[in-house]
Amino acid sequence: MKNKQNLHIHSTYADGKDKPEAMIQMAIQRGFDSIGFSEHSYLEYSDYPHQMTVQAMGEYVKEIRALQAKYAGQIDIFCGLEYELYSCVPTDGMDYLIGSVHYLDVAGQIVTFDRGLPETLAYIEKHFGGDGMAFSKKYFETVARLPEKGKFDIIGHFDIHTKSNEKAGFVDTTAPEYLQAGYDAIHALKGQIPLFEVNTGAISRGYRTTPYPQMEFMKEFCRCGFGAVITSDCHDRNFIDCYFEEAEEMLRVAGFRSKWILTREGFKEVGI
């Protein structure tokens, strides 16, 4: 695989299993040209310890910059942030930003839906009366608001709310009503955020058998002129390139003839 890169990686600074240097060493072993760390931004509403504290952000940037220098000539390393819509922390000094939604504002309460299967079903029951379509529409409406927060480079896991849907079937993702909600979000983001990710993280963790987003949305991203990056949303170094070859082939099926990678000069389009 040419121009092998992963810009969605979590280390022990957030909810990853491995320290940054261990991730880097695995990336070199697996033939990556470059990688980027994208730890979760601090969110004051969160009751889940998957994010960095404000203090840890400074330590994180310092360590990644030191590792950039240490491994110069072996692999390019970038320092980014996966920024939650409801975060309110500065992003100065980051090489790139992924805009993501893991929380919804339900009747003025900011609550995460990104948990395991039982918790997700309980969430839908509690906040949406068990209506998976209403939950999905609320999610897509929220994703469409990402540009309100600032300038992002990449849309994170566009349909992550369906992480457990293969097993639970709480919404029909082929229904015209569902697809239109997703298309509306894509159209709202057009011209606002240039790239989306083909994210294989739910495959490595056993939730899904296909990446985010589903093929219909990949095709719509293509029709709307978005660029694509391939990531594994890596929390475990052993899955740093999970399903990468297949993800690239899915992009071809969706109509893409290129992907985008981050270089020291900025994002660059390369053929697939």
C-alpha atoms as a PDB file:
ATOM      1  CA  MET A   1       0.000   0.000   0.000  1.00  0.00           C
ATOM      2  CA  LYS A   2       1.507   3.342  -1.074  1.00  0.00           C
ATOM      3  CA  ASN A   3       1.484   6.501   1.059  1.00  0.00           C
ATOM      4  CA  LYS A   4       0.505   4.547   4.156  1.00  0.00           C
ATOM      5  CA  GLN A   5      -0.695   6.906   6.861  1.00  0.00           C
ATOM      6  CA  ASN A   6      -2.966   6.834   9.904  1.00  0.00           C
ATOM      7  CA  LEU A   7      -4.056  10.162  11.412  1.00  0.00           C
ATOM      8  CA  HIS A   8      -6.515   8.781  13.973  1.00  0.00           C
ATOM      9  CA  ILE A   9      -4.461   7.248  16.792  1.00  0.00           C
ATOM     10  CA  HIS A  10      -5.067   7.262  20.551  1.00  0.00           C
ATOM     11  CA  SER A  11      -2.352   6.517  23.082  1.00  0.00           C
ATOM     12  CA  THR A  12      -2.264   6.312  26.874  1.00  0.00           C
ATOM     13  CA  TYR A  13      -2.757  10.078  26.938  1.00  0.00           C
ATOM     14  CA  ALA A  14      -6.430   9.277  26.280  1.00  0.00           C
ATOM     15  CA  ASP A  15      -8.090   5.863  26.018  1.00  0.00           C
ATOM     16  CA  GLY A  16      -5.416   4.023  24.054  1.00  0.00           C
ATOM     17  CA  LYS A  17      -3.577   0.953  25.362  1.00  0.00           C
ATOM     18  CA  ASP A  18      -0.070   1.898  24.263  1.00  0.00           C
ATOM     19  CA  LYS A  19       2.351   4.732  24.853  1.00  0.00           C
ATOM     20  CA  PRO A  20       3.066   6.977  21.835  1.00  0.00           C
ATOM     21  CA  GLU A  21       6.534   5.559  21.204  1.00  0.00           C
ATOM     22  CA  ALA A  22       5.207   1.996  21.102  1.00  0.00           C
ATOM     23  CA  MET A  23       2.675   3.113  18.488  1.00  0.00           C
ATOM     24  CA  ILE A  24       5.434   4.712  16.439  1.00  0.00           C
ATOM     25  CA  GLN A  25       7.608   1.612  16.552  1.00  0.00           C
ATOM     26  CA  MET A  26       4.705  -0.561  15.381  1.00  0.00           C
ATOM     27  CA  ALA A  27       3.954   1.887  12.560  1.00  0.00           C
ATOM     28  CA  ILE A  28       7.551   1.643  11.357  1.00  0.00           C
ATOM     29  CA  GLN A  29       7.371  -2.138  11.548  1.00  0.00           C
ATOM     30  CA  ARG A  30       4.140  -2.164   9.499  1.00  0.00           C
ATOM     31  CA  GLY A  31       5.594   0.043   6.775  1.00  0.00           C
ATOM     32  CA  PHE A  32       3.894   3.359   7.483  1.00  0.00           C
ATOM     33  CA  ASP A  33       5.308   6.493   5.906  1.00  0.00           C
ATOM     34  CA  SER A  34       3.703   8.704   8.547  1.00  0.00           C
ATOM     35  CA  ILE A  35       1.259   8.729  11.446  1.00  0.00           C
ATOM     36  CA  GLY A  36      -0.610  11.304  13.470  1.00  0.00           C
ATOM     37  CA  PHE A  37      -1.758  11.247  17.076  1.00  0.00           C
ATOM     38  CA  SER A  38      -5.257  12.612  17.686  1.00  0.00           C
ATOM     39  CA  GLU A  39      -6.088  12.421  21.374  1.00  0.00           C
ATOM     40  CA  HIS A  40      -9.561  13.327  22.626  1.00  0.00           C
ATOM     41  CA  SER A  41     -10.036  16.948  23.611  1.00  0.00           C
ATOM     42  CA  TYR A  42     -11.070  17.758  27.161  1.00  0.00           C
ATOM     43  CA  LEU A  43     -14.817  17.980  27.740  1.00  0.00           C
ATOM     44  CA  GLU A  44     -16.092  19.214  31.083  1.00  0.00           C
ATOM     45  CA  TYR A  45     -19.401  17.341  30.751  1.00  0.00           C
ATOM     46  CA  SER A  46     -17.780  13.948  30.396  1.00  0.00           C
ATOM     47  CA  ASP A  47     -18.094  11.299  33.078  1.00  0.00           C
ATOM     48  CA  TYR A  48     -15.933   8.941  31.022  1.00  0.00           C
ATOM     49  CA  PRO A  49     -12.125   9.072  31.410  1.00  0.00           C
ATOM     50  CA  HIS A  50     -11.312   8.862  27.703  1.00  0.00           C
ATOM     51  CA  GLN A  51     -10.082  12.409  27.242  1.00  0.00           C
ATOM     52  CA  MET A  52      -6.995  14.397  28.155  1.00  0.00           C
ATOM     53  CA  THR A  53      -7.055  16.928  30.941  1.00  0.00           C
ATOM     54  CA  VAL A  54      -6.090  20.478  30.028  1.00  0.00           C
ATOM     55  CA  GLN A  55      -2.764  19.955  31.810  1.00  0.00           C
ATOM     56  CA  ALA A  56      -2.102  16.710  29.947  1.00  0.00           C
ATOM     57  CA  MET A  57      -2.560  18.473  26.597  1.00  0.00           C
ATOM     58  CA  GLY A  58       0.641  20.405  27.151  1.00  0.00           C
ATOM     59  CA  GLU A  59       2.533  17.255  28.107  1.00  0.00           C
ATOM     60  CA  TYR A  60       1.099  15.449  25.087  1.00  0.00           C
ATOM     61  CA  VAL A  61       2.263  18.071  22.601  1.00  0.00           C
ATOM     62  CA  LYS A  62       5.703  18.208  24.205  1.00  0.00           C
ATOM     63  CA  GLU A  63       6.178  14.420  23.984  1.00  0.00           C
ATOM     64  CA  ILE A  64       4.939  14.106  20.405  1.00  0.00           C
ATOM     65  CA  ARG A  65       7.245  16.937  19.292  1.00  0.00           C
ATOM     66  CA  ALA A  66      10.179  15.195  20.991  1.00  0.00           C
ATOM     67  CA  LEU A  67       9.310  11.930  19.238  1.00  0.00           C
ATOM     68  CA  GLN A  68       9.099  13.767  15.914  1.00  0.00           C
ATOM     69  CA  ALA A  69      12.711  14.768  16.337  1.00  0.00           C
ATOM     70  CA  LYS A  70      13.824  11.367  17.609  1.00  0.00           C
ATOM     71  CA  TYR A  71      12.349   9.463  14.647  1.00  0.00           C
ATOM     72  CA  ALA A  72      13.092  12.037  11.945  1.00  0.00           C
ATOM     73  CA  GLY A  73      14.235  10.232   8.833  1.00  0.00           C
ATOM     74  CA  GLN A  74      12.406   7.032   9.790  1.00  0.00           C
ATOM     75  CA  ILE A  75       8.793   8.182   9.849  1.00  0.00           C
ATOM     76  CA  ASP A  76       6.932  11.505   9.803  1.00  0.00           C
ATOM     77  CA  ILE A  77       4.908  12.129  12.962  1.00  0.00           C
ATOM     78  CA  PHE A  78       2.112  14.667  13.376  1.00  0.00           C
ATOM     79  CA  CYS A  79       0.410  16.032  16.469  1.00  0.00           C
ATOM     80  CA  GLY A  80      -3.343  16.464  16.171  1.00  0.00           C
ATOM     81  CA  LEU A  81      -6.502  16.474  18.212  1.00  0.00           C
ATOM     82  CA  GLU A  82      -9.873  14.767  17.949  1.00  0.00           C
ATOM     83  CA  TYR A  83     -12.037  17.679  18.950  1.00  0.00           C
ATOM     84  CA  GLU A  84     -15.487  17.121  20.415  1.00  0.00           C
ATOM     85  CA  LEU A  85     -18.240  19.504  19.316  1.00  0.00           C
ATOM     86  CA  TYR A  86     -18.926  20.507  22.916  1.00  0.00           C
ATOM     87  CA  SER A  87     -15.271  20.989  23.916  1.00  0.00           C
ATOM     88  CA  CYS A  88     -14.026  24.456  24.807  1.00  0.00           C
ATOM     89  CA  VAL A  89     -10.239  24.109  24.868  1.00  0.00           C
ATOM     90  CA  PRO A  90      -7.674  25.873  22.662  1.00  0.00           C
ATOM     91  CA  THR A  91      -6.257  24.080  19.645  1.00  0.00           C
ATOM     92  CA  ASP A  92      -3.167  26.206  19.094  1.00  0.00           C
ATOM     93  CA  GLY A  93      -0.092  24.327  17.914  1.00  0.00           C
ATOM     94  CA  MET A  94      -1.896  21.318  16.451  1.00  0.00           C
ATOM     95  CA  ASP A  95      -0.947  20.027  13.011  1.00  0.00           C
ATOM     96  CA  TYR A  96      -4.528  19.017  12.194  1.00  0.00           C
ATOM     97  CA  LEU A  97      -7.969  18.653  13.757  1.00  0.00           C
ATOM     98  CA  ILE A  98     -10.581  15.903  13.504  1.00  0.00           C
ATOM     99  CA  GLY A  99     -14.085  17.108  14.305  1.00  0.00           C
ATOM    100  CA  SER A 100     -16.153  14.434  16.045  1.00  0.00           C
ATOM    101  CA  VAL A 101     -19.438  13.940  17.852  1.00  0.00           C
ATOM    102  CA  HIS A 102     -19.695  11.451  20.729  1.00  0.00           C
ATOM    103  CA  TYR A 103     -22.260  13.428  22.746  1.00  0.00           C
ATOM    104  CA  LEU A 104     -25.719  14.811  22.070  1.00  0.00           C
ATOM    105  CA  ASP A 105     -27.569  17.662  23.711  1.00  0.00           C
ATOM    106  CA  VAL A 106     -30.770  16.024  24.914  1.00  0.00           C
ATOM    107  CA  ALA A 107     -33.126  18.507  26.596  1.00  0.00           C
ATOM    108  CA  GLY A 108     -30.164  20.615  27.687  1.00  0.00           C
ATOM    109  CA  GLN A 109     -28.172  17.662  28.992  1.00  0.00           C
ATOM    110  CA  ILE A 110     -24.907  16.771  27.226  1.00  0.00           C
ATOM    111  CA  VAL A 111     -24.773  12.967  27.296  1.00  0.00           C
ATOM    112  CA  THR A 112     -22.573  10.497  25.434  1.00  0.00           C
ATOM    113  CA  PHE A 113     -24.033   7.702  23.337  1.00  0.00           C
ATOM    114  CA  ASP A 114     -20.670   6.086  22.529  1.00  0.00           C
ATOM    115  CA  ARG A 115     -20.655   3.068  24.817  1.00  0.00           C
ATOM    116  CA  GLY A 116     -21.150  -0.675  24.521  1.00  0.00           C
ATOM    117  CA  LEU A 117     -24.274  -2.325  23.136  1.00  0.00           C
ATOM    118  CA  PRO A 118     -26.396  -2.479  26.341  1.00  0.00           C
ATOM    119  CA  GLU A 119     -25.571   1.127  27.235  1.00  0.00           C
ATOM    120  CA  THR A 120     -26.377   2.361  23.730  1.00  0.00           C
ATOM    121  CA  LEU A 121     -29.769   0.655  23.708  1.00  0.00           C
ATOM    122  CA  ALA A 122     -30.532   2.049  27.170  1.00  0.00           C
ATOM    123  CA  TYR A 123     -29.520   5.509  25.932  1.00  0.00           C
ATOM    124  CA  ILE A 124     -31.893   5.319  22.967  1.00  0.00           C
ATOM    125  CA  GLU A 125     -34.689   4.077  25.207  1.00  0.00           C
ATOM    126  CA  LYS A 126     -34.165   6.768  27.838  1.00  0.00           C
ATOM    127  CA  HIS A 127     -33.652   9.788  25.598  1.00  0.00           C
ATOM    128  CA  PHE A 128     -35.545   8.851  22.425  1.00  0.00           C
ATOM    129  CA  GLY A 129     -38.245   6.493  23.649  1.00  0.00           C
ATOM    130  CA  GLY A 130     -36.521   3.595  21.894  1.00  0.00           C
ATOM    131  CA  ASP A 131     -36.802   5.333  18.494  1.00  0.00           C
ATOM    132  CA  GLY A 132     -33.556   4.626  16.639  1.00  0.00           C
ATOM    133  CA  MET A 133     -34.555   6.845  13.726  1.00  0.00           C
ATOM    134  CA  ALA A 134     -35.095   9.853  15.992  1.00  0.00           C
ATOM    135  CA  PHE A 135     -31.722   9.157  17.611  1.00  0.00           C
ATOM    136  CA  SER A 136     -30.060   8.958  14.190  1.00  0.00           C
ATOM    137  CA  LYS A 137     -31.615  12.209  12.994  1.00  0.00           C
ATOM    138  CA  LYS A 138     -30.491  13.994  16.138  1.00  0.00           C
ATOM    139  CA  TYR A 139     -26.980  12.662  15.632  1.00  0.00           C
ATOM    140  CA  PHE A 140     -26.758  13.792  11.989  1.00  0.00           C
ATOM    141  CA  GLU A 141     -28.193  17.209  12.859  1.00  0.00           C
ATOM    142  CA  THR A 142     -25.464  17.541  15.492  1.00  0.00           C
ATOM    143  CA  VAL A 143     -22.657  16.466  13.139  1.00  0.00           C
ATOM    144  CA  ALA A 144     -23.813  19.121  10.676  1.00  0.00           C
ATOM    145  CA  ARG A 145     -23.045  21.727  13.338  1.00  0.00           C
ATOM    146  CA  LEU A 146     -19.317  20.929  13.565  1.00  0.00           C
ATOM    147  CA  PRO A 147     -18.262  24.015  11.562  1.00  0.00           C
ATOM    148  CA  GLU A 148     -19.818  26.203  14.271  1.00  0.00           C
ATOM    149  CA  LYS A 149     -16.965  25.138  16.546  1.00  0.00           C
ATOM    150  CA  GLY A 150     -14.125  26.082  14.216  1.00  0.00           C
ATOM    151  CA  LYS A 151     -11.999  25.001  11.295  1.00  0.00           C
ATOM    152  CA  PHE A 152     -11.611  21.232  11.083  1.00  0.00           C
ATOM    153  CA  ASP A 153      -9.607  19.229   8.554  1.00  0.00           C
ATOM    154  CA  ILE A 154     -11.388  15.864   8.866  1.00  0.00           C
ATOM    155  CA  ILE A 155     -14.913  14.729   9.742  1.00  0.00           C
ATOM    156  CA  GLY A 156     -14.514  11.953  12.298  1.00  0.00           C
ATOM    157  CA  HIS A 157     -16.361   8.615  11.887  1.00  0.00           C
ATOM    158  CA  PHE A 158     -19.376  10.158  10.149  1.00  0.00           C
ATOM    159  CA  ASP A 159     -21.937   7.564  11.276  1.00  0.00           C
ATOM    160  CA  ILE A 160     -20.414   6.377  14.565  1.00  0.00           C
ATOM    161  CA  HIS A 161     -23.851   6.361  16.174  1.00  0.00           C
ATOM    162  CA  THR A 162     -24.436   3.051  14.324  1.00  0.00           C
ATOM    163  CA  LYS A 163     -21.481   1.341  16.023  1.00  0.00           C
ATOM    164  CA  SER A 164     -23.764  -1.256  17.635  1.00  0.00           C
ATOM    165  CA  ASN A 165     -26.430  -1.313  14.942  1.00  0.00           C
ATOM    166  CA  GLU A 166     -25.151  -4.427  13.132  1.00  0.00           C
ATOM    167  CA  LYS A 167     -25.855  -6.434  16.265  1.00  0.00           C
ATOM    168  CA  ALA A 168     -28.838  -4.529  17.664  1.00  0.00           C
ATOM    169  CA  GLY A 169     -30.679  -3.343  14.545  1.00  0.00           C
ATOM    170  CA  PHE A 170     -32.122  -0.253  16.228  1.00  0.00           C
ATOM    171  CA  VAL A 171     -32.390   1.645  12.922  1.00  0.00           C
ATOM    172  CA  ASP A 172     -32.790   0.661   9.262  1.00  0.00           C
ATOM    173  CA  THR A 173     -29.752   2.242   7.634  1.00  0.00           C
ATOM    174  CA  THR A 174     -31.165   1.546   4.156  1.00  0.00           C
ATOM    175  CA  ALA A 175     -34.410   3.464   4.786  1.00  0.00           C
ATOM    176  CA  PRO A 176     -34.839   6.592   2.607  1.00  0.00           C
ATOM    177  CA  GLU A 177     -35.584   8.648   5.726  1.00  0.00           C
ATOM    178  CA  TYR A 178     -32.315   7.575   7.310  1.00  0.00           C
ATOM    179  CA  LEU A 179     -30.229   8.104   4.190  1.00  0.00           C
ATOM    180  CA  GLN A 180     -31.708  11.556   3.640  1.00  0.00           C
ATOM    181  CA  ALA A 181     -30.752  12.580   7.165  1.00  0.00           C
ATOM    182  CA  GLY A 182     -27.171  11.555   6.429  1.00  0.00           C
ATOM    183  CA  TYR A 183     -27.165  13.251   3.028  1.00  0.00           C
ATOM    184  CA  ASP A 184     -28.455  16.464   4.598  1.00  0.00           C
ATOM    185  CA  ALA A 185     -25.531  16.438   7.024  1.00  0.00           C
ATOM    186  CA  ILE A 186     -23.040  15.825   4.207  1.00  0.00           C
ATOM    187  CA  HIS A 187     -24.514  18.704   2.199  1.00  0.00           C
ATOM    188  CA  ALA A 188     -24.331  20.994   5.240  1.00  0.00           C
ATOM    189  CA  LEU A 189     -20.641  20.119   5.708  1.00  0.00           C
ATOM    190  CA  LYS A 190     -19.755  20.586   2.028  1.00  0.00           C
ATOM    191  CA  GLY A 191     -17.275  23.414   1.646  1.00  0.00           C
ATOM    192  CA  GLN A 192     -16.858  23.606   5.429  1.00  0.00           C
ATOM    193  CA  ILE A 193     -14.679  20.585   6.226  1.00  0.00           C
ATOM    194  CA  PRO A 194     -12.646  19.266   3.268  1.00  0.00           C
ATOM    195  CA  LEU A 195     -12.011  15.637   4.268  1.00  0.00           C
ATOM    196  CA  PHE A 196     -13.818  12.677   5.805  1.00  0.00           C
ATOM    197  CA  GLU A 197     -12.281   9.514   7.164  1.00  0.00           C
ATOM    198  CA  VAL A 198     -12.846   5.900   6.217  1.00  0.00           C
ATOM    199  CA  ASN A 199     -12.557   4.670   9.787  1.00  0.00           C
ATOM    200  CA  THR A 200     -12.002   0.968  10.529  1.00  0.00           C
ATOM    201  CA  GLY A 201     -11.920   1.228  14.320  1.00  0.00           C
ATOM    202  CA  ALA A 202     -15.222  -0.533  14.983  1.00  0.00           C
ATOM    203  CA  ILE A 203     -13.986  -3.530  12.972  1.00  0.00           C
ATOM    204  CA  SER A 204     -10.899  -3.969  15.150  1.00  0.00           C
ATOM    205  CA  ARG A 205     -13.036  -3.759  18.292  1.00  0.00           C
ATOM    206  CA  GLY A 206     -15.612  -6.271  17.084  1.00  0.00           C
ATOM    207  CA  TYR A 207     -18.610  -3.966  16.675  1.00  0.00           C
ATOM    208  CA  ARG A 208     -18.869  -3.819  12.884  1.00  0.00           C
ATOM    209  CA  THR A 209     -17.727  -5.743   9.841  1.00  0.00           C
ATOM    210  CA  THR A 210     -17.406  -2.636   7.642  1.00  0.00           C
ATOM    211  CA  PRO A 211     -15.834   0.796   8.175  1.00  0.00           C
ATOM    212  CA  TYR A 212     -17.532   4.104   8.835  1.00  0.00           C
ATOM    213  CA  PRO A 213     -19.191   5.516   6.846  1.00  0.00           C
ATOM    214  CA  GLN A 214     -21.500   3.093   5.043  1.00  0.00           C
ATOM    215  CA  MET A 215     -21.108   2.859   1.268  1.00  0.00           C
ATOM    216  CA  GLU A 216     -24.061   5.101   0.402  1.00  0.00           C
ATOM    217  CA  PHE A 217     -22.492   7.923   2.382  1.00  0.00           C
ATOM    218  CA  MET A 218     -19.042   7.300   0.883  1.00  0.00           C
ATOM    219  CA  LYS A 219     -20.596   7.724  -2.554  1.00  0.00           C
ATOM    220  CA  GLU A 220     -22.328  10.937  -1.498  1.00  0.00           C
ATOM    221  CA  PHE A 221     -19.079  12.322  -0.095  1.00  0.00           C
ATOM    222  CA  CYS A 222     -17.521  11.560  -3.477  1.00  0.00           C
ATOM    223  CA  ARG A 223     -20.351  13.237  -5.422  1.00  0.00           C
ATOM    224  CA  CYS A 224     -19.996  16.302  -3.198  1.00  0.00           C
ATOM    225  CA  GLY A 225     -16.247  16.616  -3.797  1.00  0.00           C
ATOM    226  CA  PHE A 226     -14.881  15.683  -0.371  1.00  0.00           C
ATOM    227  CA  GLY A 227     -11.454  14.133  -0.046  1.00  0.00           C
ATOM    228  CA  ALA A 228     -10.922  10.908   1.908  1.00  0.00           C
ATOM    229  CA  VAL A 229      -8.361   9.728   4.440  1.00  0.00           C
ATOM    230  CA  ILE A 230      -8.033   6.160   5.726  1.00  0.00           C
ATOM    231  CA  THR A 231      -7.684   5.621   9.473  1.00  0.00           C
ATOM    232  CA  SER A 232      -8.094   2.829  12.001  1.00  0.00           C
ATOM    233  CA  ASP A 233      -9.062   5.015  15.001  1.00  0.00           C
ATOM    234  CA  CYS A 234      -6.310   3.023  16.660  1.00  0.00           C
ATOM    235  CA  HIS A 235      -6.446   2.314  20.406  1.00  0.00           C
ATOM    236  CA  ASP A 236      -4.184  -0.758  20.218  1.00  0.00           C
ATOM    237  CA  ARG A 237      -0.937  -0.807  18.227  1.00  0.00           C
ATOM    238  CA  ASN A 238      -1.716  -4.278  16.881  1.00  0.00           C
ATOM    239  CA  PHE A 239      -4.593  -2.808  14.849  1.00  0.00           C
ATOM    240  CA  ILE A 240      -2.796   0.243  13.520  1.00  0.00           C
ATOM    241  CA  ASP A 241      -3.467  -0.776   9.895  1.00  0.00           C
ATOM    242  CA  CYS A 242      -6.649  -2.793  10.428  1.00  0.00           C
ATOM    243  CA  TYR A 243      -8.612  -3.275   7.157  1.00  0.00           C
ATOM    244  CA  PHE A 244      -6.564  -0.638   5.306  1.00  0.00           C
ATOM    245  CA  GLU A 245      -6.321  -2.492   1.997  1.00  0.00           C
ATOM    246  CA  GLU A 246     -10.050  -3.227   2.025  1.00  0.00           C
ATOM    247  CA  ALA A 247     -10.867   0.374   2.933  1.00  0.00           C
ATOM    248  CA  GLU A 248      -8.882   1.621  -0.038  1.00  0.00           C
ATOM    249  CA  GLU A 249     -10.775  -0.743  -2.320  1.00  0.00           C
ATOM    250  CA  MET A 250     -14.077   0.518  -0.887  1.00  0.00           C
ATOM    251  CA  LEU A 251     -13.045   4.044  -1.820  1.00  0.00           C
ATOM    252  CA  ARG A 252     -12.501   2.895  -5.402  1.00  0.00           C
ATOM    253  CA  VAL A 253     -15.960   1.293  -5.453  1.00  0.00           C
ATOM    254  CA  ALA A 254     -17.443   4.556  -4.128  1.00  0.00           C
ATOM    255  CA  GLY A 255     -15.895   6.422  -7.061  1.00  0.00           C
ATOM    256  CA  PHE A 256     -12.708   7.818  -5.563  1.00  0.00           C
ATOM    257  CA  ARG A 257      -9.456   7.688  -7.481  1.00  0.00           C
ATOM    258  CA  SER A 258      -7.373   9.343  -4.780  1.00  0.00           C
ATOM    259  CA  LYS A 259      -6.989   9.756  -1.039  1.00  0.00           C
ATOM    260  CA  TRP A 260      -5.398  12.508   1.019  1.00  0.00           C
ATOM    261  CA  ILE A 261      -2.361  12.381   3.289  1.00  0.00           C
ATOM    262  CA  LEU A 262      -0.856  14.970   5.592  1.00  0.00           C
ATOM    263  CA  THR A 263       2.694  16.053   4.759  1.00  0.00           C
ATOM    264  CA  ARG A 264       5.022  18.611   6.299  1.00  0.00           C
ATOM    265  CA  GLU A 265       3.718  21.018   3.654  1.00  0.00           C
ATOM    266  CA  GLY A 266       0.059  20.321   4.414  1.00  0.00           C
ATOM    267  CA  PHE A 267      -2.534  17.920   3.047  1.00  0.00           C
ATOM    268  CA  LYS A 268      -1.767  16.371  -0.319  1.00  0.00           C
ATOM    269  CA  GLU A 269      -3.878  14.318  -2.743  1.00  0.00           C
ATOM    270  CA  VAL A 270      -2.356  11.029  -3.886  1.00  0.00           C
ATOM    271  CA  GLY A 271      -3.658   8.310  -6.188  1.00  0.00           C
ATOM    272  CA  ILE A 272      -5.028   4.981  -5.005  1.00  0.00           C
END
